[in-house]
Protein backbone atom coordinates (compact mmCIF):
# COMPACT_ATOMS: atom_id res chain seq x y z
CA UNK A 1 -9.97 -18.94 -5.58
CA UNK A 2 -7.23 -18.74 -8.10
CA UNK A 3 -7.00 -22.62 -10.21
CA UNK A 4 -3.29 -22.89 -10.10
CA UNK A 5 -3.13 -21.43 -6.23
CA UNK A 6 -5.70 -24.48 -5.57
CA UNK A 7 -3.39 -26.86 -7.52
CA UNK A 8 -0.58 -25.77 -5.96
CA UNK A 9 -1.80 -26.02 -2.30
CA UNK A 10 -2.99 -29.51 -3.19
CA UNK A 11 0.30 -30.64 -4.18
CA UNK A 12 2.34 -29.09 -1.53
CA UNK A 13 4.71 -31.49 0.66
CA UNK A 14 7.84 -31.24 2.39
CA UNK A 15 9.03 -34.69 0.95
CA UNK A 16 8.33 -33.11 -2.65
CA UNK A 17 10.24 -29.40 -2.00
CA UNK A 18 13.19 -31.74 -0.90
CA UNK A 19 12.83 -34.29 -3.95
CA UNK A 20 13.44 -31.24 -6.45
CA UNK A 21 16.47 -30.15 -5.00
CA UNK A 22 15.66 -27.00 -3.73
CA UNK A 23 17.25 -26.76 -0.42
CA UNK A 24 20.43 -27.14 1.06
CA UNK A 25 21.62 -26.92 4.97
CA UNK A 26 24.31 -24.17 5.74
CA UNK A 27 27.09 -26.50 6.45
CA UNK A 28 26.59 -27.89 2.99
CA UNK A 29 26.01 -24.76 1.23
CA UNK A 30 29.43 -23.30 2.31
CA UNK A 31 31.28 -26.81 0.95
CA UNK A 32 29.63 -26.69 -2.04
CA UNK A 33 30.08 -23.48 -2.94
CA UNK A 34 33.27 -22.29 -1.33
CA UNK A 35 35.65 -20.39 -3.89
CA UNK A 36 32.75 -18.31 -5.66
CA UNK A 37 34.71 -14.99 -5.96
CA UNK A 38 32.07 -13.01 -7.70
CA UNK A 39 31.40 -10.65 -4.83
CA UNK A 40 30.61 -6.91 -5.04
CA UNK A 41 33.83 -4.72 -3.84
CA UNK A 42 33.15 -2.80 -0.47
CA UNK A 43 34.42 -2.83 3.02
CA UNK A 44 32.15 -4.99 5.32
CA UNK A 45 32.07 -6.58 8.63
CA UNK A 46 32.38 -10.42 8.81
CA UNK A 47 30.04 -12.75 10.91
CA UNK A 48 31.53 -15.95 11.68
CA UNK A 49 33.07 -18.69 9.31
CA UNK A 50 33.33 -17.47 5.67
CA UNK A 51 30.74 -17.93 3.62
CA UNK A 52 30.99 -17.26 -0.56
CA UNK A 53 27.59 -19.49 -1.44
CA UNK A 54 25.48 -16.06 -1.08
CA UNK A 55 23.57 -15.08 -4.40
CA UNK A 56 25.53 -11.91 -5.82
CA UNK A 57 23.82 -9.02 -6.81
CA UNK A 58 23.72 -7.00 -10.07
CA UNK A 59 24.40 -3.45 -11.15
CA UNK A 60 20.93 -2.94 -11.37
CA UNK A 61 20.15 -4.43 -7.79
CA UNK A 62 23.44 -1.90 -6.21
CA UNK A 63 22.08 0.64 -7.99
CA UNK A 64 18.11 0.36 -6.38
CA UNK A 65 19.93 -0.46 -2.42
CA UNK A 66 22.08 2.87 -3.23
CA UNK A 67 18.62 4.47 -3.55
CA UNK A 68 17.11 3.29 -0.53
CA UNK A 69 17.64 5.12 2.94
CA UNK A 70 20.86 3.51 4.60
CA UNK A 71 22.13 3.61 8.09
CA UNK A 72 18.83 3.53 9.61
CA UNK A 73 18.61 1.31 12.45
CA UNK A 74 15.35 -1.07 11.67
CA UNK A 75 12.77 -1.55 14.15
CA UNK A 76 12.56 -5.04 16.10
CA UNK A 77 8.91 -6.34 15.08
CA UNK A 78 6.90 -9.35 15.97
CA UNK A 79 7.57 -12.34 14.35
CA UNK A 80 4.07 -13.50 14.03
CA UNK A 81 2.38 -16.69 14.82
CA UNK A 82 3.04 -18.56 11.42
CA UNK A 83 6.95 -19.11 11.98
CA UNK A 84 8.73 -22.18 12.22
CA UNK A 85 12.67 -22.84 11.99
CA UNK A 86 12.19 -24.24 8.00
CA UNK A 87 16.14 -24.31 8.04
CA UNK A 88 16.57 -23.75 4.52
CA UNK A 89 19.37 -21.57 2.44
CA UNK A 90 17.82 -21.32 -0.91
CA UNK A 91 17.76 -18.45 -2.94
CA UNK A 92 14.73 -19.03 -4.94
CA UNK A 93 11.43 -19.72 -2.21
CA UNK A 94 8.62 -19.61 -4.78
CA UNK A 95 8.39 -23.55 -5.40
CA UNK A 96 5.12 -23.53 -7.54
CA UNK A 97 3.38 -20.18 -6.17
CA UNK A 98 1.86 -18.13 -8.68
CA UNK A 99 1.99 -14.39 -8.61
CA UNK A 100 4.13 -11.29 -9.58
CA UNK A 101 7.55 -11.89 -9.64
CA UNK A 102 9.57 -10.34 -6.66
CA UNK A 103 13.17 -10.07 -6.54
CA UNK A 104 14.16 -8.83 -2.94
CA UNK A 105 17.55 -7.25 -2.62
CA UNK A 106 18.38 -6.91 1.29
CA UNK A 107 21.96 -5.58 2.62
CA UNK A 108 22.45 -6.00 6.01
CA UNK A 109 24.54 -3.32 7.65
CA UNK A 110 26.66 -2.45 11.38
CA UNK A 111 24.17 0.60 11.95
CA UNK A 112 27.65 1.76 13.91
CA UNK A 113 30.20 1.42 11.19
CA UNK A 114 27.84 1.93 7.99
CA UNK A 115 28.56 4.85 5.57
CA UNK A 116 26.02 6.25 2.72
CA UNK A 117 28.21 4.48 0.09
CA UNK A 118 27.32 1.26 1.07
CA UNK A 119 29.77 0.61 3.94
CA UNK A 120 29.66 -1.47 6.77
CA UNK A 121 27.88 -4.33 5.68
CA UNK A 122 27.84 -7.63 7.52
CA UNK A 123 29.38 -10.59 5.68
CA UNK A 124 28.26 -14.36 6.41
CA UNK A 125 24.89 -12.89 8.32
CA UNK A 126 21.97 -15.55 7.23
CA UNK A 127 19.01 -13.46 6.24
CA UNK A 128 15.42 -15.27 6.37
CA UNK A 129 12.39 -14.34 5.40
CA UNK A 130 8.55 -15.48 5.04
CA UNK A 131 5.41 -14.13 3.76
CA UNK A 132 1.79 -15.64 2.79
CA UNK A 133 1.01 -16.48 -0.50
CA UNK A 134 -1.34 -14.20 -3.16
CA UNK A 135 -4.41 -15.62 -1.45
CA UNK A 136 -3.04 -14.77 1.75
CA UNK A 137 -2.38 -17.83 3.24
CA UNK A 138 0.84 -19.16 4.50
CA UNK A 139 2.84 -22.40 3.92
CA UNK A 140 2.99 -24.73 7.14
CA UNK A 141 -0.61 -22.92 8.49
CA UNK A 142 -2.77 -23.30 5.61
CA UNK A 143 -5.42 -24.71 7.77
CA UNK A 144 -5.37 -21.80 10.13
CA UNK A 145 -4.50 -18.85 7.82
CA UNK A 146 -7.19 -20.15 5.40
CA UNK A 147 -10.05 -20.32 8.26
CA UNK A 148 -8.63 -16.93 9.34
CA UNK A 149 -9.64 -15.59 6.01
CA UNK A 150 -12.90 -16.60 5.90
CA UNK A 151 -12.73 -20.16 5.01
CA UNK A 152 -13.17 -23.61 7.25
CA UNK A 153 -10.99 -23.18 10.00
CA UNK A 154 -9.27 -26.68 10.88
CA UNK A 155 -7.37 -26.44 14.45
CA UNK A 156 -7.15 -22.61 14.22
CA UNK A 157 -4.06 -20.88 14.86
CA UNK A 158 -0.59 -22.09 15.31
CA UNK A 159 -0.63 -23.64 19.52
CA UNK A 160 -4.43 -23.26 19.75
CA UNK A 161 -4.61 -19.64 20.48
CA UNK A 162 -4.95 -16.61 18.83
CA UNK A 163 -1.95 -14.62 17.42
CA UNK A 164 -0.51 -11.84 19.07
CA UNK A 165 1.07 -9.63 16.28
CA UNK A 166 -1.30 -11.06 13.85
CA UNK A 167 -5.20 -10.54 14.06
CA UNK A 168 -7.29 -13.36 12.79
CA UNK A 169 -8.42 -12.83 9.35
CA UNK A 170 -11.72 -12.60 8.17
CA UNK A 171 -14.86 -10.17 8.94
CA UNK A 172 -14.47 -7.78 11.74
CA UNK A 173 -16.42 -9.25 14.80
CA UNK A 174 -19.66 -7.59 15.61
CA UNK A 175 -19.88 -9.14 19.32
CA UNK A 176 -17.42 -9.94 22.09
CA UNK A 177 -14.31 -11.46 20.78
CA UNK A 178 -14.00 -15.22 21.60
CA UNK A 179 -11.79 -15.98 24.21
CA UNK A 180 -12.40 -12.82 26.09
CA UNK A 181 -10.37 -9.94 25.73
CA UNK A 182 -8.84 -9.25 22.07
CA UNK A 183 -5.13 -10.28 21.45
CA UNK A 184 -2.24 -8.07 21.99
CA UNK A 185 -0.16 -6.76 19.62
CA UNK A 186 -2.70 -7.22 16.59
CA UNK A 187 -4.41 -4.12 14.64
CA UNK A 188 -5.75 -1.67 18.03
CA UNK A 189 -3.15 -2.64 20.11
CA UNK A 190 0.41 -3.07 21.01
CA UNK A 191 2.82 -4.72 23.07
CA UNK A 192 1.98 -7.99 25.32
CA UNK A 193 3.26 -11.27 24.41
CA UNK A 194 4.30 -11.29 20.99
CA UNK A 195 5.46 -7.80 20.53
CA UNK A 196 8.78 -9.09 19.70
CA UNK A 197 10.33 -12.21 18.40
CA UNK A 198 11.09 -13.90 21.70
CA UNK A 199 7.89 -13.84 22.90
CA UNK A 200 5.60 -14.65 20.14
CA UNK A 201 3.58 -17.11 21.08
CA UNK A 202 4.02 -20.67 19.78
CA UNK A 203 4.59 -24.39 20.46
CA UNK A 204 7.22 -24.14 22.83
CA UNK A 205 9.63 -25.45 20.95
CA UNK A 206 12.74 -23.77 20.00
CA UNK A 207 14.58 -23.80 16.74
CA UNK A 208 17.66 -25.35 16.45
CA UNK A 209 19.08 -25.37 12.92
CA UNK A 210 21.81 -24.40 10.49
CA UNK A 211 21.58 -20.77 11.40
CA UNK A 212 18.86 -20.31 14.12
CA UNK A 213 18.76 -21.71 17.58
CA UNK A 214 16.78 -20.69 20.38
CA UNK A 215 13.75 -19.19 18.77
CA UNK A 216 10.12 -19.90 19.86
CA UNK A 217 8.47 -21.74 16.90
CA UNK A 218 4.94 -22.17 16.05
CA UNK A 219 4.16 -26.37 15.26
CA UNK A 220 3.17 -26.22 11.52
CA UNK A 221 0.16 -28.03 10.67
CA UNK A 222 1.01 -29.05 7.23
CA UNK A 223 3.99 -29.81 5.09
CA UNK A 224 4.05 -26.65 3.25
CA UNK A 225 7.74 -24.82 2.91
CA UNK A 226 6.70 -22.50 0.05
CA UNK A 227 7.66 -18.97 0.22
CA UNK A 228 10.24 -19.32 3.20
CA UNK A 229 13.58 -19.70 3.00
CA UNK A 230 17.03 -17.98 3.73
CA UNK A 231 20.63 -17.07 2.24
CA UNK A 232 23.58 -15.70 3.15
CA UNK A 233 25.00 -12.25 2.67
CA UNK A 234 27.81 -11.78 0.79
CA UNK A 235 30.92 -9.99 1.27
CA UNK A 236 28.99 -6.42 1.14
CA UNK A 237 26.43 -7.53 3.40
CA UNK A 238 24.07 -8.25 0.14
CA UNK A 239 21.29 -11.01 0.18
CA UNK A 240 19.03 -11.65 -3.10
CA UNK A 241 15.89 -13.81 -3.03
CA UNK A 242 13.68 -14.63 -5.57
CA UNK A 243 9.97 -14.48 -4.82
CA UNK A 244 6.50 -13.52 -5.21
CA UNK A 245 5.39 -10.16 -4.41
CA UNK A 246 3.16 -11.03 -1.31
CA UNK A 247 -0.52 -11.39 -1.26
CA UNK A 248 -2.63 -9.72 2.12
CA UNK A 249 -5.22 -10.85 4.75
CA UNK A 250 -7.74 -8.95 6.92
CA UNK A 251 -6.25 -7.20 9.93
CA UNK A 252 -2.67 -6.77 8.53
CA UNK A 253 -1.42 -4.17 6.06
CA UNK A 254 0.83 -6.32 3.12
CA UNK A 255 4.00 -7.09 4.76
CA UNK A 256 6.98 -9.64 4.45
CA UNK A 257 8.50 -11.12 7.96
CA UNK A 258 12.56 -11.38 7.86
CA UNK A 259 15.03 -12.44 10.36
CA UNK A 260 18.88 -11.80 10.46
CA UNK A 261 20.87 -14.48 12.25
CA UNK A 262 24.45 -13.87 13.26
CA UNK A 263 26.46 -17.21 14.51
CA UNK A 264 23.30 -18.87 14.72
CA UNK A 265 21.94 -15.99 17.07
CA UNK A 266 18.76 -13.96 15.87
CA UNK A 267 20.04 -9.99 16.24
CA UNK A 268 16.78 -8.63 14.43
CA UNK A 269 13.46 -9.96 13.67
CA UNK A 270 11.28 -7.26 11.75
CA UNK A 271 8.99 -6.84 8.94
CA UNK A 272 8.98 -5.21 5.19
CA UNK A 273 6.23 -3.26 3.83
CA UNK A 274 5.27 -1.61 0.84
CA UNK A 275 4.04 1.61 -0.64
CA UNK A 276 -0.16 1.59 -1.30
CA UNK A 277 0.02 2.86 -4.56
CA UNK A 278 2.42 -0.40 -5.62
CA UNK A 279 0.21 -2.84 -3.75
CA UNK A 280 -3.02 -1.79 -5.42
CA UNK A 281 -1.06 -2.11 -9.06
CA UNK A 282 -0.18 -5.29 -8.23
CA UNK A 283 -3.45 -6.71 -6.60
CA UNK A 284 -5.36 -5.55 -9.98
CA UNK A 285 -3.58 -8.48 -11.54
CA UNK A 286 -3.93 -12.32 -11.54
CA UNK A 287 -4.09 -14.23 -9.32
CA UNK A 288 -4.28 -11.57 -6.21
CA UNK A 289 -7.49 -10.00 -8.03
CA UNK A 290 -9.60 -13.14 -7.00
CA UNK A 291 -8.82 -12.25 -3.46
CA UNK A 292 -11.32 -9.44 -3.14
CA UNK A 293 -11.66 -6.84 -0.81
CA UNK A 294 -8.19 -5.60 -0.10
CA UNK A 295 -9.55 -1.99 -0.60
CA UNK A 296 -11.13 -1.87 2.72
CA UNK A 297 -8.63 -3.67 4.46
CA UNK A 298 -6.07 -2.41 6.91
CA UNK A 299 -3.44 0.13 5.45
CA UNK A 300 -0.08 1.28 6.33
CA UNK A 301 -1.23 4.43 8.24
CA UNK A 302 -3.91 2.10 10.48
CA UNK A 303 -1.78 -1.06 10.69
CA UNK A 304 -0.16 -0.91 14.27
CA UNK A 305 3.11 -2.89 13.20
CA UNK A 306 4.27 -0.66 10.62
CA UNK A 307 7.27 1.31 10.39
CA UNK A 308 9.08 3.29 7.91
CA UNK A 309 12.13 1.58 8.83
CA UNK A 310 10.65 -1.41 6.97
CA UNK A 311 9.61 0.22 3.64
CA UNK A 312 11.00 -1.42 0.84
CA UNK A 313 12.45 0.55 -2.66
CA UNK A 314 10.49 -1.11 -5.68
CA UNK A 315 10.91 -0.70 -9.12
CA UNK A 316 9.39 -2.50 -12.48
CA UNK A 317 11.48 -5.11 -14.30
CA UNK A 318 10.74 -7.07 -17.42
CA UNK A 319 9.39 -10.05 -15.64
CA UNK A 320 8.03 -8.36 -12.68
CA UNK A 321 9.49 -6.09 -9.72
CA UNK A 322 12.58 -5.48 -7.92
CA UNK A 323 12.63 -4.19 -4.27
CA UNK A 324 15.53 -3.43 -2.01
CA UNK A 325 15.85 -2.41 1.52
CA UNK A 326 18.97 -1.48 3.80
CA UNK A 327 18.58 -3.21 6.96
CA UNK A 328 20.56 -1.80 9.91
CA UNK A 329 21.33 -3.83 12.66
């Protein structure tokens, strides 16, 4: 394991993350940032009370959004087994995770009113993302995801059950799958519990935070919050995140999870994907190259959750990569 990743995992705790001042609730964000008039200027739809705390995207980011497909309804996908309501409005979700810098720019568009010029953006929606680190591990579920990657499991997947929509990681089984039939919704099958966000297995607890209410959560097994967070969209429906390029784990193609919340209701749960050539380029660099085996893993073509509507348009920047996608809801 990369030493930076190892040290980072050892240091992670929720108390440390909060002490750094990297998170703030939605109500606090509205109070602190009201009056910021730096939004871009096109028509939009408003979702809920006025919120001007969104991080405004520069011209380069908006140009990349213009290049990405628009006015396409984004497919509903499983939220997977590693979601919990982190209830954290923040732009930079890296904490101390090593990896290639990745700026992700998203525009939430009303599919009924969007235009090729970028109109129809939904203002004040909350976009939430979460993904694994360079070693294939999710914060909050390090023991389960490390075990699935071939490390020593500690309690297994959240809820003590095989995840639907996310195959257990590690070597492919050579005999019968434990606990009977293979999980539904993962590679090799679809449908069943977990095929949509509301049916994803979890602890049975329901989210009740500042932007997510009523979604089924998994119970975290540790205090980690890295590579999780949410942003409010600006007047054009645009939200920007600073993160690292996601890692990989056996049984799934490279992806980022995403939810869109409007007035505390989840209107979309989906996943984002990347071109294989780009993934190979990133994974040839440190610390990704210390997690060997990607070449023989599932690809976009063989991943049964992959959908073209989730493809991110990516370019290189001076210090990493920038990706853009228009999310139609």
